[in-house]
Amino acid sequence: MNLKQIVTIVLLSATTSVVTMWGYNRYVRSQEYTYQPSSTDSGKVPSNYAGFNGLTGEAGPADFTAAAGAAIPATVHIKTKATRTATNNLPRNSPFGNLFPDLDIDDFFGNRMRSVPQAASGSGAIISEDGYIVTNNHVVDGADEITVSLNNKKSFKAKLVAADPSSDLAVIKIEAKGLPFLLYGNSDETKVGQWVLAVGYPLTLETTVTAGIISAKGRTLDINSRQSNTPVESFIQTDAAVNPGNSGGPLISIDGKLIGINSAIASPTGAYAGYSFTIPVNIVKKIVADLMKFGTVQRAFLGINYPRENLSDEVKSQNGITEGEGVYVMDVPADGAAASVGIKKGDIITKINSVPVLNAADMVGQIATFRPGDKISVTYRRDGKEYSTNVTLRNSAGTTEVVKTSILDKLGAELQSISKEQAKELGVNGGVMIKSISSRGVFSKVRVQEGYVILKANGKEIKNVDDFRKAVETADGGTVKIDGVYPGYEGVYPIVINLNNAN
């Protein structure tokens, strides 16, 4: 191939390329759509970015060093020891007995009842310079010995001040002065998406800090119902890594404030799987103050029954219940706070003190920060109209008195004064119905079922929960003889409970 032929081929190729590109730009590219954000032309920002400073480009990377530096010295390692009475639980006709018919099973295992030492550990947050520490109830529950280690390796014996199974919180005390401690934040002001730090002693490691964001608020797991008939759950959910051993440790805002006490994880394996749950500090503050001042929580009740479990679509439809629009009132006990201001079955609670409540956890979390006798504003919807009223909260006995003991908690039952209509049907002046019985407590040890109505206690007529509380408190030797009935059945059914048998 000569030079002339080569030049001809090159020129032909170049001409073909130019023609092809001209045709592409003229007939093909002119049909393409290129996305142009509206903000590029008009400077308009989408409504979902209102107030978001990140668009300015001025926000720097998050720095957790100051918050971690404040929290670490005030976070402690808690170790407990307890002695449990255990049994081998092997019946006499077990396979061992069949194999060795001449041997007593106790020859293998010793006495069938024996003491078994147990050890556990968790975390805690120092809340005062003189040694008061908040942690989870489940960290110290049943402990015979509590040891607290500071971040500087100093170790102290601690004593239990008081505990509240309903919220899974406890206060312990060490004898020390001049300790670093955490400042309370405000959990109501926390927002989904904000940075948080979890601090504690997970998996027997030394002080560990993990970071994450608040993933959700107002969560309920129904785990505190295992240890209480009146559980308080309105958790902050985060994705900060929390593992066994973190329980009782602080959740910290980026400005170093305590915004919650880490309490639980949701996991198919028992180890961290992306979901951890924290008791909001506004609930912690109130309960800790009660435990330190009264020795028991002054629990306030609005006085309504509401859906606590997932209801079927059919039940929701029948009762007009709409998810996420408030708390449906299923019943209003006669001696409760709500009944006194005219709240009725079918009403939907939408706000507490102007704070929206989308579900039961939101409502429980708000009311848990108040005491009996406190007055709150309740907004509710009835027949499509919205109403507001002031309600004076009451205790479980239907009064505003300070509860100095938790004697009714020992019973392990949810009690409710019967209504005037129920009393009329039974032909009595009043009574107290057992709404539910837990697996722990005095009532779980006697033959009594839910629905039982208490009419007398140690010969005294019982008209309401407060009457029953007084009868129990004044019981001689801790023994209470109860007379009651089951609605729909004839006859009086007596039972005897012994308060000394409480767990």
Protein backbone atom coordinates (compact mmCIF):
# COMPACT_ATOMS: atom_id res chain seq x y z
CA MET A 1 0.00 0.00 0.00
CA ASN A 2 1.50 3.33 -1.11
CA LEU A 3 1.45 6.66 0.69
CA LYS A 4 -1.43 8.04 -1.40
CA GLN A 5 -3.67 5.13 -0.44
CA ILE A 6 -2.86 5.51 3.26
CA VAL A 7 -3.68 9.25 3.23
CA THR A 8 -6.96 8.54 1.43
CA ILE A 9 -8.01 5.96 4.08
CA VAL A 10 -7.15 8.32 6.99
CA LEU A 11 -9.10 11.21 5.45
CA LEU A 12 -12.09 8.95 4.78
CA SER A 13 -12.09 7.71 8.42
CA ALA A 14 -11.86 11.25 9.81
CA THR A 15 -14.70 12.45 7.59
CA THR A 16 -16.88 9.51 8.65
CA SER A 17 -16.22 10.26 12.37
CA VAL A 18 -17.12 13.94 11.99
CA VAL A 19 -20.35 13.11 10.17
CA THR A 20 -21.27 10.49 12.81
CA MET A 21 -20.73 12.88 15.76
CA TRP A 22 -22.68 15.65 13.98
CA GLY A 23 -25.58 13.26 13.43
CA TYR A 24 -25.50 12.05 17.06
CA ASN A 25 -25.59 15.59 18.45
CA ARG A 26 -28.24 16.70 15.98
CA TYR A 27 -30.70 13.82 16.11
CA VAL A 28 -29.94 11.64 19.16
CA ARG A 29 -28.56 13.76 22.01
CA SER A 30 -31.20 16.41 21.45
CA GLN A 31 -33.75 13.81 22.67
CA GLU A 32 -31.94 13.10 26.02
CA TYR A 33 -33.35 14.43 29.35
CA THR A 34 -30.86 15.80 31.86
CA TYR A 35 -32.15 16.30 35.49
CA GLN A 36 -31.66 19.85 36.70
CA PRO A 37 -32.49 20.41 40.43
CA SER A 38 -34.93 23.27 40.94
CA SER A 39 -32.56 24.78 43.48
CA THR A 40 -29.96 25.16 40.74
CA ASP A 41 -32.10 27.68 38.91
CA SER A 42 -34.19 29.28 41.65
CA GLY A 43 -32.28 28.64 44.87
CA LYS A 44 -35.44 27.00 46.30
CA VAL A 45 -34.85 24.30 48.97
CA PRO A 46 -37.22 21.31 49.33
CA SER A 47 -39.51 21.58 52.39
CA ASN A 48 -38.02 18.46 53.99
CA TYR A 49 -34.66 20.31 54.25
CA ALA A 50 -36.08 23.31 56.13
CA GLY A 51 -33.70 24.35 58.88
CA PHE A 52 -31.01 21.90 57.73
CA ASN A 53 -27.66 23.67 57.97
CA GLY A 54 -25.78 20.91 56.19
CA LEU A 55 -26.62 22.47 52.81
CA THR A 56 -24.37 25.43 53.56
CA GLY A 57 -21.30 23.25 53.52
CA GLU A 58 -20.08 24.90 56.73
CA ALA A 59 -20.71 21.93 59.08
CA GLY A 60 -17.55 20.06 59.96
CA PRO A 61 -17.15 16.38 60.87
CA ALA A 62 -18.59 15.25 64.21
CA ASP A 63 -16.05 15.24 67.04
CA PHE A 64 -16.87 12.99 70.02
CA THR A 65 -13.70 13.50 72.04
CA ALA A 66 -15.06 16.13 74.43
CA ALA A 67 -18.27 14.21 75.14
CA ALA A 68 -16.35 10.97 75.66
CA GLY A 69 -13.87 12.72 77.93
CA ALA A 70 -16.72 13.96 80.13
CA ALA A 71 -18.57 10.64 80.27
CA ILE A 72 -15.80 8.09 80.78
CA PRO A 73 -14.72 9.16 84.31
CA ALA A 74 -18.38 9.17 85.44
CA THR A 75 -19.18 5.69 84.11
CA VAL A 76 -18.57 2.76 86.46
CA HIS A 77 -18.25 -1.00 86.24
CA ILE A 78 -20.67 -2.87 88.52
CA LYS A 79 -20.04 -6.46 89.56
CA THR A 80 -22.48 -8.46 91.68
CA LYS A 81 -22.48 -11.73 93.57
CA ALA A 82 -25.56 -13.63 94.64
CA THR A 83 -26.31 -16.98 96.17
CA ARG A 84 -29.25 -18.84 94.69
CA THR A 85 -30.93 -21.90 96.12
CA ALA A 86 -31.07 -24.50 93.37
CA THR A 87 -32.31 -28.02 92.91
CA ASN A 88 -31.24 -30.73 90.49
CA ASN A 89 -34.93 -31.07 89.57
CA LEU A 90 -34.50 -34.72 88.66
CA PRO A 91 -37.49 -36.89 89.64
CA ARG A 92 -36.97 -40.22 91.35
CA ASN A 93 -38.18 -42.08 88.27
CA SER A 94 -35.68 -40.35 85.99
CA PRO A 95 -33.51 -42.37 83.56
CA PHE A 96 -30.76 -42.36 86.22
CA GLY A 97 -33.15 -44.06 88.60
CA ASN A 98 -34.01 -46.68 86.02
CA LEU A 99 -30.38 -47.39 85.28
CA PHE A 100 -29.34 -47.56 88.93
CA PRO A 101 -32.44 -48.65 90.88
CA ASP A 102 -30.47 -49.23 94.07
CA LEU A 103 -28.88 -45.77 94.14
CA ASP A 104 -30.51 -42.64 95.55
CA ILE A 105 -30.19 -39.83 93.02
CA ASP A 106 -28.80 -37.64 95.81
CA ASP A 107 -25.76 -39.92 95.89
CA PHE A 108 -24.78 -38.39 92.53
CA PHE A 109 -25.69 -34.80 93.16
CA GLY A 110 -25.61 -34.44 96.94
CA ASN A 111 -28.50 -32.69 98.65
CA ARG A 112 -31.20 -31.90 96.11
CA MET A 113 -31.36 -28.33 97.45
CA ARG A 114 -28.05 -26.52 97.36
CA SER A 115 -26.62 -23.01 97.23
CA VAL A 116 -25.19 -21.94 93.89
CA PRO A 117 -23.02 -18.77 93.74
CA GLN A 118 -23.70 -16.52 90.76
CA ALA A 119 -21.83 -13.51 89.42
CA ALA A 120 -22.89 -10.83 86.98
CA SER A 121 -21.73 -7.43 85.78
CA GLY A 122 -23.07 -4.25 84.24
CA SER A 123 -22.45 -0.54 84.11
CA GLY A 124 -23.64 2.56 85.94
CA ALA A 125 -23.63 6.36 85.77
CA ILE A 126 -22.46 8.54 88.66
CA ILE A 127 -25.04 11.29 89.25
CA SER A 128 -23.60 13.04 92.31
CA GLU A 129 -20.16 13.84 93.67
CA ASP A 130 -20.94 11.97 96.92
CA GLY A 131 -21.40 8.59 95.29
CA TYR A 132 -24.98 8.07 94.10
CA ILE A 133 -25.07 5.90 91.00
CA VAL A 134 -27.97 4.99 88.70
CA THR A 135 -28.08 1.64 86.91
CA ASN A 136 -30.61 -0.96 85.78
CA ASN A 137 -32.66 -2.91 88.29
CA HIS A 138 -31.79 -6.14 86.47
CA VAL A 139 -28.07 -5.46 87.05
CA VAL A 140 -28.38 -5.50 90.87
CA ASP A 141 -31.63 -7.45 91.41
CA GLY A 142 -31.12 -10.13 94.06
CA ALA A 143 -27.45 -9.27 94.61
CA ASP A 144 -25.91 -10.11 97.97
CA GLU A 145 -22.77 -8.12 97.19
CA ILE A 146 -22.25 -5.14 94.86
CA THR A 147 -18.79 -3.90 93.86
CA VAL A 148 -18.22 -0.69 91.91
CA SER A 149 -15.00 0.02 90.01
CA LEU A 150 -14.19 3.50 88.71
CA ASN A 151 -12.37 4.23 85.49
CA ASN A 152 -9.21 4.96 87.55
CA LYS A 153 -9.35 1.35 88.93
CA LYS A 154 -10.46 2.38 92.43
CA SER A 155 -12.95 -0.10 93.84
CA PHE A 156 -15.77 0.34 96.39
CA LYS A 157 -18.43 -1.80 98.02
CA ALA A 158 -21.88 -0.39 97.20
CA LYS A 159 -25.25 -0.63 98.88
CA LEU A 160 -28.63 -0.67 97.19
CA VAL A 161 -30.61 2.49 97.98
CA ALA A 162 -33.82 1.48 96.19
CA ALA A 163 -35.01 -0.03 92.92
CA ASP A 164 -37.99 0.17 90.60
CA PRO A 165 -38.72 -2.97 88.53
CA SER A 166 -41.44 -1.15 86.56
CA SER A 167 -38.89 1.07 84.83
CA ASP A 168 -35.88 -1.23 85.35
CA LEU A 169 -33.98 1.43 87.28
CA ALA A 170 -32.04 1.26 90.55
CA VAL A 171 -29.95 3.61 92.68
CA ILE A 172 -26.85 2.40 94.51
CA LYS A 173 -24.42 4.30 96.75
CA ILE A 174 -20.69 4.17 97.39
CA GLU A 175 -18.90 6.03 100.19
CA ALA A 176 -16.76 8.52 98.33
CA LYS A 177 -16.40 12.28 97.90
CA GLY A 178 -15.44 14.58 95.06
CA LEU A 179 -16.43 12.14 92.32
CA PRO A 180 -16.93 13.17 88.70
CA PHE A 181 -20.60 12.97 87.75
CA LEU A 182 -22.84 13.44 84.74
CA LEU A 183 -25.11 16.40 84.11
CA TYR A 184 -28.70 15.69 83.13
CA GLY A 185 -29.81 16.58 79.62
CA ASN A 186 -33.38 16.77 78.31
CA SER A 187 -34.58 13.66 76.50
CA ASP A 188 -37.74 15.40 75.27
CA GLU A 189 -35.52 17.63 73.14
CA THR A 190 -33.64 14.75 71.51
CA LYS A 191 -34.34 14.18 67.84
CA VAL A 192 -34.20 11.22 65.52
CA GLY A 193 -30.92 11.37 63.61
CA GLN A 194 -28.80 13.16 66.22
CA TRP A 195 -25.46 11.71 67.29
CA VAL A 196 -25.21 9.88 70.63
CA LEU A 197 -22.55 7.94 72.54
CA ALA A 198 -23.07 4.75 74.57
CA VAL A 199 -20.54 4.28 77.37
CA GLY A 200 -20.05 1.17 79.47
CA TYR A 201 -18.20 -2.06 80.19
CA PRO A 202 -19.45 -4.56 77.57
CA LEU A 203 -18.37 -8.19 77.41
CA THR A 204 -15.98 -7.77 80.40
CA LEU A 205 -13.97 -5.13 78.49
CA GLU A 206 -12.73 -1.94 80.11
CA THR A 207 -14.49 1.37 79.49
CA THR A 208 -15.81 1.38 75.94
CA VAL A 209 -17.38 4.20 73.93
CA THR A 210 -19.51 3.57 70.85
CA ALA A 211 -21.24 6.11 68.61
CA GLY A 212 -24.51 6.04 66.74
CA ILE A 213 -27.63 8.03 66.09
CA ILE A 214 -31.07 8.09 67.64
CA SER A 215 -33.05 5.77 65.39
CA ALA A 216 -36.50 6.18 66.96
CA LYS A 217 -38.30 7.38 70.09
CA GLY A 218 -41.22 6.08 72.12
CA ARG A 219 -40.40 2.41 71.61
CA THR A 220 -41.88 -0.36 73.75
CA LEU A 221 -40.56 -3.93 73.97
CA ASP A 222 -42.87 -5.29 76.70
CA ILE A 223 -39.84 -6.56 78.62
CA ASN A 224 -40.48 -4.80 81.94
CA SER A 225 -43.80 -6.65 82.23
CA ARG A 226 -41.71 -9.68 83.19
CA GLN A 227 -40.93 -8.04 86.51
CA SER A 228 -43.83 -5.63 87.02
CA ASN A 229 -47.58 -5.40 86.49
CA THR A 230 -47.28 -1.68 85.77
CA PRO A 231 -44.35 -1.50 83.33
CA VAL A 232 -42.96 1.84 82.16
CA GLU A 233 -41.50 1.68 78.66
CA SER A 234 -40.88 4.55 76.28
CA PHE A 235 -37.40 3.76 75.03
CA ILE A 236 -35.06 5.78 72.87
CA GLN A 237 -33.79 3.45 70.14
CA THR A 238 -30.23 3.90 68.87
CA ASP A 239 -27.77 2.09 66.65
CA ALA A 240 -24.85 2.72 69.00
CA ALA A 241 -23.33 -0.69 69.71
CA VAL A 242 -24.53 -2.03 73.08
CA ASN A 243 -23.74 -5.53 74.37
CA PRO A 244 -24.19 -7.51 77.60
CA GLY A 245 -22.35 -5.51 80.26
CA ASN A 246 -23.51 -2.15 78.87
CA SER A 247 -26.73 -2.39 80.89
CA GLY A 248 -27.05 0.56 83.26
CA GLY A 249 -24.47 2.67 81.44
CA PRO A 250 -25.15 6.18 80.12
CA LEU A 251 -26.25 7.37 76.72
CA ILE A 252 -24.59 10.72 76.10
CA SER A 253 -25.40 13.61 73.78
CA ILE A 254 -22.62 15.19 71.74
CA ASP A 255 -22.42 18.02 74.30
CA GLY A 256 -21.66 15.48 77.06
CA LYS A 257 -25.08 15.45 78.79
CA LEU A 258 -26.79 12.31 80.12
CA ILE A 259 -29.87 11.65 77.98
CA GLY A 260 -30.62 8.08 79.02
CA ILE A 261 -29.66 4.82 80.71
CA ASN A 262 -28.95 1.91 78.37
CA SER A 263 -31.27 -0.94 79.20
CA ALA A 264 -31.81 -3.51 76.46
CA ILE A 265 -30.92 -4.83 73.04
CA ALA A 266 -33.13 -6.50 70.45
CA SER A 267 -31.18 -9.38 68.99
CA PRO A 268 -31.76 -12.90 67.66
CA THR A 269 -28.43 -14.00 69.16
CA GLY A 270 -28.18 -12.14 72.50
CA ALA A 271 -25.35 -9.96 71.14
CA TYR A 272 -25.58 -6.58 69.44
CA ALA A 273 -27.47 -6.73 66.16
CA GLY A 274 -28.03 -3.04 65.46
CA TYR A 275 -30.80 -2.22 67.91
CA SER A 276 -30.28 -0.88 71.42
CA PHE A 277 -32.78 0.75 73.77
CA THR A 278 -32.36 3.46 76.38
CA ILE A 279 -34.55 4.75 79.23
CA PRO A 280 -35.02 8.50 78.59
CA VAL A 281 -33.32 10.72 81.18
CA ASN A 282 -36.51 12.67 81.92
CA ILE A 283 -38.01 9.43 83.25
CA VAL A 284 -34.72 8.58 84.99
CA LYS A 285 -34.57 11.95 86.79
CA LYS A 286 -38.04 11.61 88.25
CA ILE A 287 -37.73 7.98 89.30
CA VAL A 288 -34.29 8.46 90.82
CA ALA A 289 -35.56 11.46 92.80
CA ASP A 290 -38.47 9.37 94.10
CA LEU A 291 -36.24 6.45 95.07
CA MET A 292 -33.84 8.71 96.94
CA LYS A 293 -36.56 10.71 98.73
CA PHE A 294 -39.32 8.16 99.36
CA GLY A 295 -37.65 4.77 98.88
CA THR A 296 -40.29 3.88 96.28
CA VAL A 297 -41.61 5.45 93.09
CA GLN A 298 -44.55 7.80 93.35
CA ARG A 299 -46.24 6.45 90.24
CA ALA A 300 -48.92 8.64 88.69
CA PHE A 301 -51.84 7.21 86.73
CA LEU A 302 -54.18 8.90 84.28
CA GLY A 303 -56.80 6.26 85.03
CA ILE A 304 -57.60 4.70 81.67
CA ASN A 305 -57.28 1.26 80.14
CA TYR A 306 -55.75 1.26 76.67
CA PRO A 307 -54.54 -1.29 74.08
CA ARG A 308 -51.19 -2.70 75.24
CA GLU A 309 -50.78 -5.43 72.65
CA ASN A 310 -51.13 -5.65 68.90
CA LEU A 311 -54.83 -5.70 68.12
CA SER A 312 -56.38 -7.37 65.10
CA ASP A 313 -57.66 -5.21 62.25
CA GLU A 314 -61.16 -6.43 63.08
CA VAL A 315 -60.98 -5.20 66.70
CA LYS A 316 -59.50 -1.89 65.57
CA SER A 317 -62.30 -1.44 63.06
CA GLN A 318 -65.00 -2.28 65.60
CA ASN A 319 -63.64 0.24 68.10
CA GLY A 320 -62.62 2.93 65.63
CA ILE A 321 -58.93 2.64 66.58
CA THR A 322 -56.51 4.28 64.15
CA GLU A 323 -52.79 3.60 64.54
CA GLY A 324 -50.49 6.57 65.13
CA GLU A 325 -53.22 9.09 65.93
CA GLY A 326 -53.26 8.83 69.71
CA VAL A 327 -54.20 6.44 72.49
CA TYR A 328 -57.64 4.85 72.36
CA VAL A 329 -59.50 4.78 75.70
CA MET A 330 -60.89 1.27 76.14
CA ASP A 331 -62.22 1.75 79.67
CA VAL A 332 -62.27 4.36 82.46
CA PRO A 333 -62.11 3.04 86.05
CA ALA A 334 -64.59 4.82 88.30
CA ASP A 335 -62.04 5.99 90.89
CA GLY A 336 -59.43 7.15 88.38
CA ALA A 337 -58.29 10.64 87.46
CA ALA A 338 -59.71 10.49 83.93
CA ALA A 339 -63.20 9.60 85.14
CA SER A 340 -63.24 12.61 87.45
CA VAL A 341 -62.97 15.01 84.49
CA GLY A 342 -65.35 13.23 82.16
CA ILE A 343 -63.00 11.33 79.85
CA LYS A 344 -64.97 8.38 78.44
CA LYS A 345 -64.52 5.08 76.66
CA GLY A 346 -63.94 5.72 72.97
CA ASP A 347 -62.06 8.99 73.47
CA ILE A 348 -58.60 9.23 71.88
CA ILE A 349 -55.82 10.88 73.89
CA THR A 350 -53.73 12.99 71.50
CA LYS A 351 -51.59 15.27 73.71
CA ILE A 352 -50.18 15.48 77.24
CA ASN A 353 -49.23 19.06 78.21
CA SER A 354 -49.40 19.99 74.52
CA VAL A 355 -46.83 17.27 73.66
CA PRO A 356 -48.24 14.96 70.94
CA VAL A 357 -48.70 11.31 71.93
CA LEU A 358 -48.89 9.02 68.92
CA ASN A 359 -49.06 5.78 70.86
CA ALA A 360 -49.25 4.28 74.35
CA ALA A 361 -45.47 4.41 74.83
CA ASP A 362 -45.49 8.17 74.24
CA MET A 363 -48.28 8.63 76.79
CA VAL A 364 -46.66 6.38 79.40
CA GLY A 365 -43.33 8.16 78.95
CA GLN A 366 -44.89 11.57 79.53
CA ILE A 367 -46.97 10.58 82.57
CA ALA A 368 -44.02 8.72 84.13
CA THR A 369 -42.34 12.08 84.73
CA PHE A 370 -45.12 13.22 87.09
CA ARG A 371 -46.26 12.32 90.62
CA PRO A 372 -49.75 11.77 92.03
CA GLY A 373 -51.24 15.17 92.78
CA ASP A 374 -49.57 16.84 89.79
CA LYS A 375 -51.95 18.58 87.39
CA ILE A 376 -51.50 18.06 83.66
CA SER A 377 -53.32 19.13 80.51
CA VAL A 378 -54.86 16.30 78.49
CA THR A 379 -56.07 16.79 74.93
CA TYR A 380 -58.44 14.19 73.50
CA ARG A 381 -60.65 13.68 70.47
CA ARG A 382 -64.31 12.68 70.70
CA ASP A 383 -66.67 12.33 67.75
CA GLY A 384 -64.24 14.20 65.52
CA LYS A 385 -63.89 17.18 67.85
CA GLU A 386 -60.88 18.02 70.00
CA TYR A 387 -61.15 18.87 73.68
CA SER A 388 -58.65 19.79 76.41
CA THR A 389 -59.02 19.41 80.16
CA ASN A 390 -56.84 19.66 83.25
CA VAL A 391 -56.40 16.38 85.13
CA THR A 392 -55.00 15.85 88.62
CA LEU A 393 -53.11 12.55 88.47
CA ARG A 394 -53.68 9.88 91.11
CA ASN A 395 -51.80 6.89 92.49
CA SER A 396 -52.76 3.24 92.00
CA ALA A 397 -55.15 3.43 94.96
CA GLY A 398 -57.04 6.33 93.38
CA THR A 399 -55.72 9.01 95.76
CA THR A 400 -53.06 11.71 95.65
CA GLU A 401 -51.34 10.63 98.87
CA VAL A 402 -47.63 9.87 99.02
CA VAL A 403 -47.06 6.11 98.88
CA LYS A 404 -44.46 5.36 101.51
CA THR A 405 -44.30 1.63 100.88
CA SER A 406 -44.80 -0.57 97.87
CA ILE A 407 -46.83 -3.15 99.75
CA LEU A 408 -49.25 -3.75 96.86
CA ASP A 409 -46.32 -4.48 94.54
CA LYS A 410 -45.64 -7.60 96.59
CA LEU A 411 -48.98 -9.02 95.51
CA GLY A 412 -47.96 -9.36 91.87
CA ALA A 413 -51.35 -8.35 90.51
CA GLU A 414 -53.07 -5.50 88.72
CA LEU A 415 -55.96 -4.31 90.91
CA GLN A 416 -58.90 -2.13 89.95
CA SER A 417 -61.87 -0.81 91.92
CA ILE A 418 -65.11 -2.09 90.40
CA SER A 419 -67.58 0.41 88.93
CA LYS A 420 -70.94 1.31 90.46
CA GLU A 421 -72.63 -0.74 87.73
CA GLN A 422 -70.52 -3.81 88.54
CA ALA A 423 -71.18 -3.38 92.26
CA LYS A 424 -74.91 -3.15 91.60
CA GLU A 425 -74.84 -6.36 89.53
CA LEU A 426 -73.06 -8.16 92.37
CA GLY A 427 -75.32 -6.64 95.02
CA VAL A 428 -72.42 -5.14 97.00
CA ASN A 429 -71.24 -1.66 97.98
CA GLY A 430 -67.96 -1.99 96.15
CA GLY A 431 -64.93 -4.22 95.67
CA VAL A 432 -61.57 -4.70 94.01
CA MET A 433 -61.11 -6.85 90.91
CA ILE A 434 -57.89 -8.73 90.12
CA LYS A 435 -57.32 -7.75 86.47
CA SER A 436 -54.15 -9.76 85.94
CA ILE A 437 -51.70 -11.91 87.90
CA SER A 438 -47.97 -12.08 87.18
CA SER A 439 -45.76 -15.10 87.66
CA ARG A 440 -44.07 -13.31 90.56
CA GLY A 441 -45.70 -12.14 93.77
CA VAL A 442 -48.00 -13.39 96.50
CA PHE A 443 -51.11 -13.98 94.38
CA SER A 444 -49.17 -16.37 92.11
CA LYS A 445 -48.76 -18.67 95.12
CA VAL A 446 -52.47 -19.12 95.93
CA ARG A 447 -55.41 -20.54 94.03
CA VAL A 448 -56.97 -17.40 92.61
CA GLN A 449 -57.74 -16.39 89.04
CA GLU A 450 -58.13 -13.15 87.12
CA GLY A 451 -61.59 -11.67 87.50
CA TYR A 452 -61.80 -12.44 91.21
CA VAL A 453 -63.49 -9.60 93.12
CA ILE A 454 -62.21 -8.91 96.65
CA LEU A 455 -65.07 -7.97 99.01
CA LYS A 456 -63.48 -8.36 102.44
CA ALA A 457 -59.96 -8.50 103.88
CA ASN A 458 -59.48 -9.73 107.45
CA GLY A 459 -63.18 -9.15 108.03
CA LYS A 460 -63.17 -5.52 106.83
CA GLU A 461 -65.39 -4.47 103.94
CA ILE A 462 -63.41 -3.49 100.85
CA LYS A 463 -64.93 -0.89 98.54
CA ASN A 464 -61.89 0.23 96.58
CA VAL A 465 -58.15 -0.26 96.10
CA ASP A 466 -57.30 2.19 98.88
CA ASP A 467 -59.40 0.20 101.37
CA PHE A 468 -57.55 -2.95 100.36
CA ARG A 469 -54.15 -1.26 100.63
CA LYS A 470 -54.90 -0.15 104.18
CA ALA A 471 -56.10 -3.64 105.12
CA VAL A 472 -52.92 -5.20 103.74
CA GLU A 473 -50.66 -2.67 105.45
CA THR A 474 -52.25 -3.33 108.86
CA ALA A 475 -52.32 -7.11 108.51
CA ASP A 476 -51.09 -8.80 111.68
CA GLY A 477 -48.14 -11.07 110.94
CA GLY A 478 -48.43 -10.43 107.22
CA THR A 479 -51.37 -12.82 106.83
CA VAL A 480 -54.51 -11.59 105.04
CA LYS A 481 -57.74 -13.61 104.84
CA ILE A 482 -59.67 -12.52 101.77
CA ASP A 483 -63.30 -13.16 100.88
CA GLY A 484 -64.32 -12.65 97.29
CA VAL A 485 -66.51 -13.75 94.41
CA TYR A 486 -66.24 -14.59 90.74
CA PRO A 487 -68.86 -12.67 88.73
CA GLY A 488 -71.32 -15.13 87.19
CA TYR A 489 -70.69 -17.80 89.82
CA GLU A 490 -72.50 -18.33 93.10
CA GLY A 491 -70.85 -18.39 96.49
CA VAL A 492 -68.00 -16.70 98.29
CA TYR A 493 -64.47 -18.00 97.66
CA PRO A 494 -62.05 -17.39 100.55
CA ILE A 495 -58.26 -17.31 100.10
CA VAL A 496 -55.39 -16.62 102.49
CA ILE A 497 -52.23 -14.78 101.42
CA ASN A 498 -48.99 -14.43 103.34
CA LEU A 499 -47.01 -11.29 102.54
CA ASN A 500 -43.88 -12.93 103.92
CA ASN A 501 -43.94 -15.27 100.90
CA ALA A 502 -43.22 -12.42 98.49
CA ASN A 503 -40.23 -12.89 96.19
